[in-house]
Structures are given as structure tokens and as C-alpha cells.
C-alpha atoms as a PDB file:
ATOM      1  CA  UNK A   1       0.051  -0.072  -0.034  1.00  0.00           C
ATOM      2  CA  UNK A   2       2.888   2.385   0.709  1.00  0.00           C
ATOM      3  CA  UNK A   3       3.974   2.912  -2.847  1.00  0.00           C
ATOM      4  CA  UNK A   4       0.445   3.291  -4.145  1.00  0.00           C
ATOM      5  CA  UNK A   5      -0.419   5.979  -1.534  1.00  0.00           C
ATOM      6  CA  UNK A   6       3.034   7.565  -1.797  1.00  0.00           C
ATOM      7  CA  UNK A   7       2.567   8.298  -5.443  1.00  0.00           C
ATOM      8  CA  UNK A   8      -0.388  10.536  -4.590  1.00  0.00           C
ATOM      9  CA  UNK A   9       1.696  12.488  -1.989  1.00  0.00           C
ATOM     10  CA  UNK A  10      -0.220  11.069   0.956  1.00  0.00           C
ATOM     11  CA  UNK A  11       1.155  10.679   4.511  1.00  0.00           C
ATOM     12  CA  UNK A  12       1.683   6.934   4.628  1.00  0.00           C
ATOM     13  CA  UNK A  13       2.611   6.913   8.363  1.00  0.00           C
ATOM     14  CA  UNK A  14      -0.644   8.638   9.289  1.00  0.00           C
ATOM     15  CA  UNK A  15      -2.635   6.177   7.257  1.00  0.00           C
ATOM     16  CA  UNK A  16      -0.876   3.170   8.847  1.00  0.00           C
ATOM     17  CA  UNK A  17      -1.339   4.591  12.299  1.00  0.00           C
ATOM     18  CA  UNK A  18      -5.131   5.056  11.704  1.00  0.00           C
ATOM     19  CA  UNK A  19      -5.539   1.749  10.022  1.00  0.00           C
ATOM     20  CA  UNK A  20      -3.754  -0.178  12.828  1.00  0.00           C
ATOM     21  CA  UNK A  21      -5.915   1.569  15.377  1.00  0.00           C
ATOM     22  CA  UNK A  22      -9.152   0.607  13.549  1.00  0.00           C
ATOM     23  CA  UNK A  23      -8.130  -3.006  12.961  1.00  0.00           C
ATOM     24  CA  UNK A  24      -6.748  -3.827  16.263  1.00  0.00           C
ATOM     25  CA  UNK A  25     -10.176  -5.375  17.292  1.00  0.00           C
ATOM     26  CA  UNK A  26      -9.779  -8.051  14.566  1.00  0.00           C
ATOM     27  CA  UNK A  27      -7.936 -11.290  14.865  1.00  0.00           C
ATOM     28  CA  UNK A  28      -4.500 -10.869  12.910  1.00  0.00           C
ATOM     29  CA  UNK A  29      -5.468 -13.719  10.605  1.00  0.00           C
ATOM     30  CA  UNK A  30      -8.771 -12.192   9.510  1.00  0.00           C
ATOM     31  CA  UNK A  31      -9.111 -10.850   5.908  1.00  0.00           C
ATOM     32  CA  UNK A  32     -10.701  -7.463   5.880  1.00  0.00           C
ATOM     33  CA  UNK A  33     -11.856  -5.347   2.979  1.00  0.00           C
ATOM     34  CA  UNK A  34     -10.744  -1.757   3.036  1.00  0.00           C
ATOM     35  CA  UNK A  35     -12.283   0.969   0.837  1.00  0.00           C
ATOM     36  CA  UNK A  36     -10.031   3.935   0.520  1.00  0.00           C
ATOM     37  CA  UNK A  37     -11.261   7.310  -0.875  1.00  0.00           C
ATOM     38  CA  UNK A  38      -8.559   9.768  -2.036  1.00  0.00           C
ATOM     39  CA  UNK A  39      -9.305  13.493  -2.296  1.00  0.00           C
ATOM     40  CA  UNK A  40      -7.713  16.228  -4.400  1.00  0.00           C
ATOM     41  CA  UNK A  41      -6.374  18.083  -1.293  1.00  0.00           C
ATOM     42  CA  UNK A  42      -4.129  14.977  -0.522  1.00  0.00           C
ATOM     43  CA  UNK A  43      -6.370  13.658   2.238  1.00  0.00           C
ATOM     44  CA  UNK A  44      -8.104  10.262   2.471  1.00  0.00           C
ATOM     45  CA  UNK A  45     -10.791   8.382   4.146  1.00  0.00           C
ATOM     46  CA  UNK A  46     -11.146   4.677   4.574  1.00  0.00           C
ATOM     47  CA  UNK A  47     -13.726   2.150   5.668  1.00  0.00           C
ATOM     48  CA  UNK A  48     -12.980  -1.203   6.920  1.00  0.00           C
ATOM     49  CA  UNK A  49     -15.385  -4.121   6.321  1.00  0.00           C
ATOM     50  CA  UNK A  50     -15.471  -7.491   8.048  1.00  0.00           C
ATOM     51  CA  UNK A  51     -14.249 -10.668   6.305  1.00  0.00           C
ATOM     52  CA  UNK A  52     -16.466 -12.151   3.577  1.00  0.00           C
ATOM     53  CA  UNK A  53     -18.987 -14.811   4.778  1.00  0.00           C
ATOM     54  CA  UNK A  54     -17.112 -17.564   2.822  1.00  0.00           C
ATOM     55  CA  UNK A  55     -13.935 -16.749   4.717  1.00  0.00           C
ATOM     56  CA  UNK A  56     -15.774 -16.894   8.084  1.00  0.00           C
ATOM     57  CA  UNK A  57     -17.346 -20.180   7.215  1.00  0.00           C
ATOM     58  CA  UNK A  58     -13.958 -21.741   6.213  1.00  0.00           C
ATOM     59  CA  UNK A  59     -12.128 -20.129   9.093  1.00  0.00           C
ATOM     60  CA  UNK A  60     -14.028 -22.029  11.820  1.00  0.00           C
ATOM     61  CA  UNK A  61     -12.321 -25.395  11.078  1.00  0.00           C
ATOM     62  CA  UNK A  62     -13.474 -27.160  14.190  1.00  0.00           C
ATOM     63  CA  UNK A  63     -17.122 -27.040  13.277  1.00  0.00           C
ATOM     64  CA  UNK A  64     -16.872 -28.022   9.582  1.00  0.00           C
ATOM     65  CA  UNK A  65     -17.007 -31.661   8.858  1.00  0.00           C
ATOM     66  CA  UNK A  66     -17.404 -33.238   5.491  1.00  0.00           C
ATOM     67  CA  UNK A  67     -18.416 -36.470   3.806  1.00  0.00           C
ATOM     68  CA  UNK A  68     -18.358 -37.262   0.171  1.00  0.00           C
ATOM     69  CA  UNK A  69     -21.366 -35.154  -0.715  1.00  0.00           C
ATOM     70  CA  UNK A  70     -21.698 -32.238   1.677  1.00  0.00           C
ATOM     71  CA  UNK A  71     -20.141 -30.173   4.345  1.00  0.00           C
ATOM     72  CA  UNK A  72     -21.632 -29.609   7.795  1.00  0.00           C
ATOM     73  CA  UNK A  73     -21.301 -26.499   9.903  1.00  0.00           C
ATOM     74  CA  UNK A  74     -22.292 -26.011  13.512  1.00  0.00           C
ATOM     75  CA  UNK A  75     -25.249 -23.858  14.336  1.00  0.00           C
ATOM     76  CA  UNK A  76     -23.081 -21.853  16.883  1.00  0.00           C
ATOM     77  CA  UNK A  77     -20.768 -20.996  14.007  1.00  0.00           C
ATOM     78  CA  UNK A  78     -23.665 -19.600  12.085  1.00  0.00           C
ATOM     79  CA  UNK A  79     -24.567 -17.529  15.117  1.00  0.00           C
ATOM     80  CA  UNK A  80     -20.929 -16.130  15.428  1.00  0.00           C
ATOM     81  CA  UNK A  81     -21.004 -15.146  11.720  1.00  0.00           C
ATOM     82  CA  UNK A  82     -24.309 -13.240  12.140  1.00  0.00           C
ATOM     83  CA  UNK A  83     -22.823 -11.302  15.062  1.00  0.00           C
ATOM     84  CA  UNK A  84     -19.590 -10.442  13.113  1.00  0.00           C
ATOM     85  CA  UNK A  85     -21.295  -9.448   9.901  1.00  0.00           C
ATOM     86  CA  UNK A  86     -24.021  -7.406  11.707  1.00  0.00           C
ATOM     87  CA  UNK A  87     -21.181  -4.958  12.668  1.00  0.00           C
ATOM     88  CA  UNK A  88     -20.826  -4.021   8.969  1.00  0.00           C
ATOM     89  CA  UNK A  89     -24.338  -4.258   7.637  1.00  0.00           C
ATOM     90  CA  UNK A  90     -26.488  -3.289  10.568  1.00  0.00           C
ATOM     91  CA  UNK A  91     -29.529  -5.182   9.219  1.00  0.00           C
ATOM     92  CA  UNK A  92     -32.092  -7.408  11.000  1.00  0.00           C
ATOM     93  CA  UNK A  93     -30.884 -10.789  12.032  1.00  0.00           C
ATOM     94  CA  UNK A  94     -33.508 -12.587  10.050  1.00  0.00           C
ATOM     95  CA  UNK A  95     -32.409 -10.851   6.804  1.00  0.00           C
ATOM     96  CA  UNK A  96     -28.781 -11.742   7.580  1.00  0.00           C
ATOM     97  CA  UNK A  97     -29.753 -15.402   8.337  1.00  0.00           C
ATOM     98  CA  UNK A  98     -31.535 -15.591   4.914  1.00  0.00           C
ATOM     99  CA  UNK A  99     -28.485 -14.242   3.229  1.00  0.00           C
ATOM    100  CA  UNK A 100     -26.284 -16.690   4.994  1.00  0.00           C
ATOM    101  CA  UNK A 101     -28.435 -19.606   4.235  1.00  0.00           C
ATOM    102  CA  UNK A 102     -28.379 -18.737   0.494  1.00  0.00           C
ATOM    103  CA  UNK A 103     -24.554 -18.491   0.647  1.00  0.00           C
ATOM    104  CA  UNK A 104     -24.351 -21.952   2.360  1.00  0.00           C
ATOM    105  CA  UNK A 105     -26.760 -23.553  -0.023  1.00  0.00           C
ATOM    106  CA  UNK A 106     -24.563 -22.432  -2.893  1.00  0.00           C
ATOM    107  CA  UNK A 107     -21.499 -23.893  -0.997  1.00  0.00           C
ATOM    108  CA  UNK A 108     -23.449 -27.218  -0.336  1.00  0.00           C
ATOM    109  CA  UNK A 109     -23.189 -26.733   3.434  1.00  0.00           C
ATOM    110  CA  UNK A 110     -25.699 -28.310   5.787  1.00  0.00           C
ATOM    111  CA  UNK A 111     -26.273 -26.751   9.269  1.00  0.00           C
ATOM    112  CA  UNK A 112     -26.172 -29.059  12.223  1.00  0.00           C
ATOM    113  CA  UNK A 113     -27.139 -28.496  15.792  1.00  0.00           C
ATOM    114  CA  UNK A 114     -24.154 -28.827  18.107  1.00  0.00           C
ATOM    115  CA  UNK A 115     -25.819 -27.562  21.267  1.00  0.00           C
ATOM    116  CA  UNK A 116     -25.360 -30.875  23.140  1.00  0.00           C
ATOM    117  CA  UNK A 117     -21.641 -31.254  22.458  1.00  0.00           C
END
């Protein structure tokens, strides 16, 4: 990022300090999406988004089991993903759940109840 921002004459250290401050709440292994807006007066703003749903599904290795045809994910993992993604989208939990179910259907993932483990 340094060379890209530097060619526009922006203060790279200032950006890095602000970016590190905003991302310290995330696990260091998380993939985050960052939207940067550059202005003519050599300033910038940026927005950090949570990791994509597919990343969050694959990241929780302990709850994903597979057989020949399908993958299984724990219900508790689905709940964690809803909480994480709601920080970004700020929509109703039922809408988020419908979106996640559509993503999981496309990935051939079946949700299992792990409440008694």
C-alpha cells in the first residue's frame, strides 16, 4: 500500500497509524476489505469491512466436517457469523440469516445443531 499511497503524495505513516488503530479489534489472521477514498487536497478516508462470509465459514475449522457429498457446519458458527457481519451491515438478524443460508446452499453446506456437544 505504501508505494500506491505515496505516489499521490499522501502521508503513509498517518494512514498506517489510523488503519492499525481501527483494525486492532480483529484477529490478525482475518481478511478485511478496506475501501479508500482519495481527495484532491491530498487527504483520504477509509472504511474497513468485516471478512467475507465464505472466509468466516472456512475459518471455523473445528465445526466443519465433511463427507463425500456435503459439508456440515455447526449452528453456533452460524450465530458467530451473524454477530460479526452485523457490525458491517446493521440489518435485521433474520435478513442476515436468509443471506447466510443462501450462501451456504450455494456452497453445499448443511447446518447441524451442536448444542449438546
